């Protein structure tokens, strides 16, 4: 049987017999989720505040896009601010 080429990142997902599996970092995941949700809430608050105080209508597309943008900005800030404290 012909061996298929490996896809990028495939060596991280699958382990060979005798290798230690890659450990899932639960602390980093919860840290990033926390910052992502904070960013999403901040984006929603800013867009709703803008619509309430400066305009007379609420654009659903802008509200959703500000929440999504806030989520990704929060994720980026969280991944930049995360520090692995297990080495300390």
Protein backbone atom coordinates (compact mmCIF):
# COMPACT_ATOMS: atom_id res chain seq x y z
CA UNK A 1 0.00 0.00 0.00
CA UNK A 2 1.28 3.44 -0.94
CA UNK A 3 2.15 5.77 1.95
CA UNK A 4 0.34 9.10 1.79
CA UNK A 5 2.24 12.35 2.26
CA UNK A 6 1.95 14.02 5.64
CA UNK A 7 -0.13 17.13 5.92
CA UNK A 8 1.20 20.21 7.73
CA UNK A 9 0.69 19.76 11.46
CA UNK A 10 -0.14 16.07 11.18
CA UNK A 11 2.89 15.02 13.17
CA UNK A 12 1.54 16.95 16.15
CA UNK A 13 -1.92 15.41 16.06
CA UNK A 14 -0.85 11.79 15.84
CA UNK A 15 1.74 10.04 17.95
CA UNK A 16 3.66 6.93 17.13
CA UNK A 17 3.76 4.00 19.54
CA UNK A 18 6.26 4.70 22.30
CA UNK A 19 6.02 8.48 22.01
CA UNK A 20 4.55 10.66 24.72
CA UNK A 21 1.32 12.33 23.66
CA UNK A 22 1.30 16.11 23.38
CA UNK A 23 -0.04 17.59 26.60
CA UNK A 24 -3.09 19.81 26.34
CA UNK A 25 -2.48 23.09 28.16
CA UNK A 26 -5.74 23.70 30.00
CA UNK A 27 -4.48 26.86 31.72
CA UNK A 28 -3.56 28.54 28.45
CA UNK A 29 -6.84 27.54 26.86
CA UNK A 30 -8.92 28.98 29.69
CA UNK A 31 -6.73 32.10 29.75
CA UNK A 32 -7.30 32.71 26.03
CA UNK A 33 -11.02 32.00 26.31
CA UNK A 34 -11.27 34.47 29.19
CA UNK A 35 -9.59 37.24 27.19
CA UNK A 36 -11.63 36.37 24.09
CA UNK A 37 -14.92 36.64 25.95
CA UNK A 38 -13.81 39.90 27.57
CA UNK A 39 -12.95 41.27 24.13
CA UNK A 40 -16.30 40.16 22.74
CA UNK A 41 -18.18 41.79 25.62
CA UNK A 42 -16.15 44.99 25.23
CA UNK A 43 -16.86 45.09 21.48
CA UNK A 44 -20.57 44.63 22.11
CA UNK A 45 -20.62 47.30 24.80
CA UNK A 46 -18.80 49.82 22.60
CA UNK A 47 -21.04 49.22 19.59
CA UNK A 48 -24.26 49.31 21.62
CA UNK A 49 -23.10 52.45 23.42
CA UNK A 50 -22.29 54.10 20.13
CA UNK A 51 -25.67 53.25 18.66
CA UNK A 52 -27.53 54.33 21.79
CA UNK A 53 -25.83 57.70 22.27
CA UNK A 54 -24.93 58.79 18.72
CA UNK A 55 -27.44 57.23 16.31
CA UNK A 56 -31.12 56.40 16.31
CA UNK A 57 -30.87 52.90 14.86
CA UNK A 58 -29.16 49.61 15.66
CA UNK A 59 -27.34 47.87 12.82
CA UNK A 60 -27.30 44.14 13.45
CA UNK A 61 -24.39 43.58 11.07
CA UNK A 62 -22.19 46.08 12.89
CA UNK A 63 -23.12 44.68 16.31
CA UNK A 64 -22.25 41.13 15.24
CA UNK A 65 -19.06 42.20 13.46
CA UNK A 66 -17.90 44.20 16.49
CA UNK A 67 -18.48 41.16 18.71
CA UNK A 68 -16.50 38.90 16.37
CA UNK A 69 -13.72 41.47 15.99
CA UNK A 70 -13.60 41.93 19.77
CA UNK A 71 -13.36 38.16 20.23
CA UNK A 72 -10.33 37.89 17.94
CA UNK A 73 -8.66 41.00 19.34
CA UNK A 74 -9.15 39.60 22.85
CA UNK A 75 -7.67 36.28 21.72
CA UNK A 76 -4.63 38.06 20.26
CA UNK A 77 -4.11 40.12 23.40
CA UNK A 78 -4.56 37.05 25.59
CA UNK A 79 -2.03 35.02 23.63
CA UNK A 80 0.43 37.93 23.82
CA UNK A 81 -0.09 38.39 27.57
CA UNK A 82 0.02 34.68 28.49
CA UNK A 83 3.12 33.56 30.33
CA UNK A 84 3.87 29.95 31.20
CA UNK A 85 4.41 29.94 34.95
CA UNK A 86 5.21 26.23 35.23
CA UNK A 87 8.91 26.95 34.60
CA UNK A 88 9.07 29.42 37.53
